Amino acid sequence: MEECKYCNEKYQHSWRTIVENEHFFANLDNHPVSPGHMKLISKRHVNSICELTDAEIIAMRDLMAEAQGYADRKYKPDGYNLGINQGEAAGQTVFHLHVHVIPRYNGDVANPIGGVRNIIAGMGDYTKR
């Protein structure tokens, strides 16, 4: 089996790491879709959010708040998209749980209605269906 890059200690403690707690760490994304795009990554190797313990779920929530606070201060976004790609069909390329925290800015797209629903073309604007 190929080594998981998110399990590597060097990755977990790279210059990209912004904040961390006992169960998760937050890194700036290698291929950001907006300024401040981060990933919250489980320190334990799991593939699905459903595999997390109650303590890990709480730690994920707490670190998400801390990461958003960091982005609020540094980038001043107007909103966020939060996303998990789970499974190859959903676009997952690193099979280790990570949550994308994507700052959004007024005017960054012409019509933001539907948010993450825009993953599938034509499904974003649910008000017209």
Protein backbone atom coordinates (compact mmCIF):
# COMPACT_ATOMS: atom_id res chain seq x y z
CA MET A 1 0.00 0.00 0.00
CA GLU A 2 1.22 3.49 -0.86
CA GLU A 3 2.07 5.74 2.10
CA CYS A 4 -0.63 8.32 2.88
CA LYS A 5 0.80 11.82 2.57
CA TYR A 6 -1.60 13.18 5.22
CA CYS A 7 -0.32 10.63 7.74
CA ASN A 8 3.26 11.80 7.22
CA GLU A 9 4.57 13.80 10.22
CA LYS A 10 6.42 16.21 7.91
CA TYR A 11 3.15 17.05 6.13
CA GLN A 12 1.32 17.53 9.41
CA HIS A 13 3.94 19.97 10.64
CA SER A 14 4.74 21.83 7.43
CA TRP A 15 4.75 25.60 6.93
CA ARG A 16 1.19 25.21 5.58
CA THR A 17 -0.16 24.14 9.00
CA ILE A 18 -2.14 27.04 10.45
CA VAL A 19 -3.81 25.58 13.53
CA GLU A 20 -4.16 22.16 15.11
CA ASN A 21 -5.59 20.29 18.05
CA GLU A 22 -5.37 16.74 19.37
CA HIS A 23 -7.31 15.17 16.48
CA PHE A 24 -7.06 17.53 13.48
CA PHE A 25 -4.75 19.99 11.80
CA ALA A 26 -5.53 22.70 9.27
CA ASN A 27 -3.33 23.34 6.26
CA LEU A 28 -3.52 25.90 3.51
CA ASP A 29 -4.64 24.04 0.38
CA ASN A 30 -1.95 23.26 -2.21
CA HIS A 31 -4.34 24.24 -5.03
CA PRO A 32 -6.59 26.93 -3.50
CA VAL A 33 -9.80 27.92 -5.24
CA SER A 34 -9.89 31.19 -3.30
CA PRO A 35 -7.61 33.13 -0.95
CA GLY A 36 -7.51 31.36 2.41
CA HIS A 37 -8.71 27.93 1.16
CA MET A 38 -7.78 25.40 3.86
CA LYS A 39 -8.15 21.70 4.58
CA LEU A 40 -8.97 20.30 8.02
CA ILE A 41 -7.26 16.91 8.11
CA SER A 42 -7.82 14.08 10.56
CA LYS A 43 -4.65 13.02 12.38
CA ARG A 44 -6.00 9.47 12.46
CA HIS A 45 -6.16 7.71 9.12
CA VAL A 46 -9.85 7.41 8.27
CA ASN A 47 -11.58 7.86 4.94
CA SER A 48 -15.07 8.88 6.03
CA ILE A 49 -16.53 11.38 8.47
CA CYS A 50 -18.72 8.46 9.63
CA GLU A 51 -15.62 6.75 11.04
CA LEU A 52 -14.87 9.58 13.48
CA THR A 53 -15.38 9.21 17.21
CA ASP A 54 -17.51 11.70 19.12
CA ALA A 55 -14.34 13.35 20.44
CA GLU A 56 -12.97 13.68 16.90
CA ILE A 57 -16.23 15.24 15.65
CA ILE A 58 -16.05 17.85 18.43
CA ALA A 59 -12.36 18.48 17.68
CA MET A 60 -13.19 18.93 13.99
CA ARG A 61 -15.91 21.45 14.81
CA ASP A 62 -13.65 23.34 17.21
CA LEU A 63 -10.79 23.50 14.71
CA MET A 64 -13.18 24.59 11.96
CA ALA A 65 -14.20 27.55 14.11
CA GLU A 66 -10.55 28.36 14.79
CA ALA A 67 -9.62 28.07 11.10
CA GLN A 68 -12.52 30.28 10.08
CA GLY A 69 -11.48 32.82 12.71
CA TYR A 70 -7.99 32.83 11.18
CA ALA A 71 -9.44 33.34 7.68
CA ASP A 72 -11.84 36.04 8.92
CA ARG A 73 -8.94 38.04 10.34
CA LYS A 74 -6.48 37.50 7.49
CA TYR A 75 -8.71 37.37 4.36
CA LYS A 76 -12.04 38.90 5.45
CA PRO A 77 -14.32 36.63 3.38
CA ASP A 78 -18.05 37.19 3.03
CA GLY A 79 -18.98 33.50 3.48
CA TYR A 80 -17.72 29.92 3.33
CA ASN A 81 -18.29 26.67 1.50
CA LEU A 82 -17.44 23.59 3.57
CA GLY A 83 -16.99 20.34 1.72
CA ILE A 84 -15.88 16.75 1.91
CA ASN A 85 -15.13 14.73 -1.21
CA GLN A 86 -15.79 11.15 -0.19
CA GLY A 87 -15.07 8.49 -2.79
CA GLU A 88 -13.57 8.58 -6.26
CA ALA A 89 -16.94 9.42 -7.89
CA ALA A 90 -17.13 12.50 -5.66
CA GLY A 91 -13.67 13.68 -6.72
CA GLN A 92 -11.62 12.42 -3.78
CA THR A 93 -7.96 12.00 -4.76
CA VAL A 94 -6.35 11.56 -1.33
CA PHE A 95 -8.22 8.82 0.51
CA HIS A 96 -7.82 10.27 3.99
CA LEU A 97 -10.58 12.38 5.54
CA HIS A 98 -10.17 16.10 4.96
CA VAL A 99 -12.69 18.93 5.00
CA HIS A 100 -12.28 21.84 2.61
CA VAL A 101 -12.92 25.25 4.17
CA ILE A 102 -13.32 27.58 1.21
CA PRO A 103 -13.67 31.31 1.86
CA ARG A 104 -16.12 32.99 -0.50
CA TYR A 105 -16.22 36.61 -1.53
CA ASN A 106 -19.03 38.79 -2.83
CA GLY A 107 -18.72 38.83 -6.62
CA ASP A 108 -16.34 35.84 -6.89
CA VAL A 109 -18.96 34.16 -9.12
CA ALA A 110 -21.79 35.74 -11.06
CA ASN A 111 -24.56 33.84 -9.23
CA PRO A 112 -23.65 32.03 -6.01
CA ILE A 113 -27.16 30.62 -5.44
CA GLY A 114 -27.03 26.92 -4.75
CA GLY A 115 -23.44 26.98 -3.48
CA VAL A 116 -22.12 23.42 -3.47
CA ARG A 117 -25.02 22.30 -5.68
CA ASN A 118 -23.03 23.79 -8.57
CA ILE A 119 -20.75 20.75 -8.46
CA ILE A 120 -23.15 19.20 -10.98
CA ALA A 121 -23.77 21.56 -13.89
CA GLY A 122 -27.29 22.94 -14.02
CA MET A 123 -28.20 21.89 -10.46
CA GLY A 124 -27.14 25.03 -8.61
CA ASP A 125 -30.11 27.34 -9.13
CA TYR A 126 -32.82 25.22 -7.53
CA THR A 127 -35.20 28.23 -7.59
CA LYS A 128 -35.73 27.69 -11.32
CA ARG A 129 -36.60 23.98 -11.19
